Amino acid sequence: MTDWQGCQRGEVWQVQFNPSLRSEGKDEHPAVILSIDQLNRSRMPLTTIIPFTSAVPRYEGMLNVRVEPDASNGLTKISWAQPHMIRAVNRELRLVRRRGALAEADFARIQEAVRDVLGL
């Protein structure tokens, strides 16, 4: 069993997206935790995540934020965060294992893209 109760904002976790519907992400992929830690530690079972993909996008920008792999973030290949795919997931059912944590600069770029996508 994973220590999903200890997930923190800015961490990268392996997430199980199955079952999924139509154009939703599927299978297991890394994702970054977006929820504030107060919510991540609460009794509410949900946390908000931004999934990553390793599929090279047609263009980079607010829909595809490039993150280089390193020992700290636990990514194994160049990946793109997909802020337009933001979703809440059940921590106990969906979080498989902690992979690492994003560098502040990478997480800041993803947060900026989330604000752009949501019009905040």
Protein backbone atom coordinates (compact mmCIF):
# COMPACT_ATOMS: atom_id res chain seq x y z
CA MET A 1 0.00 0.00 0.00
CA THR A 2 1.32 3.45 -0.87
CA ASP A 3 1.54 6.38 1.51
CA TRP A 4 -0.96 8.43 -0.50
CA GLN A 5 -1.95 10.29 2.67
CA GLY A 6 1.42 12.01 2.56
CA CYS A 7 1.10 13.44 -0.95
CA GLN A 8 2.18 17.07 -1.23
CA ARG A 9 1.71 19.93 -3.66
CA GLY A 10 4.38 19.85 -6.38
CA GLU A 11 5.15 16.15 -6.02
CA VAL A 12 5.11 13.80 -8.99
CA TRP A 13 3.10 10.60 -8.48
CA GLN A 14 2.38 7.63 -10.68
CA VAL A 15 -1.40 7.73 -11.17
CA GLN A 16 -3.78 5.01 -12.35
CA PHE A 17 -6.25 6.62 -14.78
CA ASN A 18 -8.22 3.46 -15.62
CA PRO A 19 -11.11 3.23 -15.93
CA SER A 20 -11.36 6.27 -18.17
CA LEU A 21 -13.89 7.54 -20.67
CA ARG A 22 -13.24 8.47 -24.31
CA SER A 23 -10.65 11.26 -24.52
CA GLU A 24 -9.67 11.15 -20.83
CA GLY A 25 -6.18 9.96 -20.01
CA LYS A 26 -5.86 6.22 -19.55
CA ASP A 27 -3.48 3.66 -18.08
CA GLU A 28 -0.77 4.74 -15.63
CA HIS A 29 1.04 8.04 -16.07
CA PRO A 30 2.95 10.45 -13.89
CA ALA A 31 1.06 13.50 -12.65
CA VAL A 32 1.87 16.46 -10.44
CA ILE A 33 -0.16 17.19 -7.30
CA LEU A 34 -1.78 20.62 -7.60
CA SER A 35 -3.98 20.70 -4.46
CA ILE A 36 -2.75 22.66 -1.46
CA ASP A 37 -1.29 20.52 1.33
CA GLN A 38 -4.08 21.41 3.76
CA LEU A 39 -6.52 19.63 1.43
CA ASN A 40 -4.07 16.79 0.73
CA ARG A 41 -3.91 16.08 4.48
CA SER A 42 -7.66 16.39 5.01
CA ARG A 43 -10.19 13.60 5.35
CA MET A 44 -11.55 14.49 1.92
CA PRO A 45 -10.30 11.63 -0.30
CA LEU A 46 -9.70 13.75 -3.40
CA THR A 47 -6.62 15.53 -4.66
CA THR A 48 -6.24 17.65 -7.79
CA ILE A 49 -3.62 16.59 -10.32
CA ILE A 50 -2.18 17.60 -13.68
CA PRO A 51 -1.17 14.60 -15.80
CA PHE A 52 2.02 14.31 -17.83
CA THR A 53 2.45 12.77 -21.24
CA SER A 54 5.62 11.69 -23.01
CA ALA A 55 3.96 12.01 -26.43
CA VAL A 56 5.64 14.90 -28.22
CA PRO A 57 3.03 17.63 -28.75
CA ARG A 58 2.66 19.61 -31.95
CA TYR A 59 3.55 22.74 -30.00
CA GLU A 60 4.49 23.79 -26.50
CA GLY A 61 2.65 26.46 -24.57
CA MET A 62 -0.12 26.66 -22.03
CA LEU A 63 -1.51 23.25 -23.07
CA ASN A 64 1.87 21.48 -22.99
CA VAL A 65 4.48 22.48 -20.41
CA ARG A 66 7.80 20.72 -21.03
CA VAL A 67 9.63 19.23 -18.04
CA GLU A 68 13.05 17.60 -18.32
CA PRO A 69 13.61 14.38 -16.37
CA ASP A 70 15.98 14.42 -13.41
CA ALA A 71 16.67 12.49 -10.23
CA SER A 72 14.53 14.86 -8.15
CA ASN A 73 11.30 14.70 -10.15
CA GLY A 74 11.44 10.98 -10.92
CA LEU A 75 10.49 11.39 -14.55
CA THR A 76 12.35 9.01 -16.86
CA LYS A 77 11.90 10.90 -20.13
CA ILE A 78 11.06 14.37 -21.37
CA SER A 79 7.42 14.93 -20.41
CA TRP A 80 4.76 17.55 -20.93
CA ALA A 81 2.34 18.59 -18.20
CA GLN A 82 -1.17 19.00 -19.59
CA PRO A 83 -2.97 21.70 -17.57
CA HIS A 84 -6.09 21.41 -19.72
CA MET A 85 -6.47 17.84 -18.39
CA ILE A 86 -6.74 18.95 -14.74
CA ARG A 87 -8.81 16.60 -12.61
CA ALA A 88 -9.60 15.50 -9.11
CA VAL A 89 -8.73 11.89 -8.27
CA ASN A 90 -9.32 9.68 -5.28
CA ARG A 91 -5.94 9.46 -3.55
CA GLU A 92 -6.47 5.96 -2.18
CA LEU A 93 -7.65 4.47 -5.47
CA ARG A 94 -5.57 6.38 -8.02
CA LEU A 95 -2.17 7.29 -6.51
CA VAL A 96 0.17 4.36 -7.13
CA ARG A 97 3.56 5.60 -5.91
CA ARG A 98 5.55 8.77 -5.35
CA ARG A 99 8.12 9.42 -8.07
CA GLY A 100 9.67 12.68 -6.85
CA ALA A 101 9.04 16.41 -6.69
CA LEU A 102 9.24 19.15 -9.31
CA ALA A 103 11.77 21.94 -9.17
CA GLU A 104 10.17 25.23 -8.14
CA ALA A 105 10.72 26.74 -11.59
CA ASP A 106 8.99 23.82 -13.35
CA PHE A 107 6.05 23.88 -10.94
CA ALA A 108 5.73 27.67 -11.34
CA ARG A 109 5.46 27.29 -15.14
CA ILE A 110 2.75 24.66 -14.72
CA GLN A 111 0.83 26.85 -12.26
CA GLU A 112 1.00 29.74 -14.73
CA ALA A 113 -0.38 27.51 -17.48
CA VAL A 114 -3.22 26.38 -15.18
CA ARG A 115 -4.14 30.00 -14.55
CA ASP A 116 -4.12 30.65 -18.30
CA VAL A 117 -6.23 27.59 -19.13
CA LEU A 118 -8.78 28.41 -16.42
CA GLY A 119 -8.78 32.15 -17.09
CA LEU A 120 -7.70 33.05 -13.55
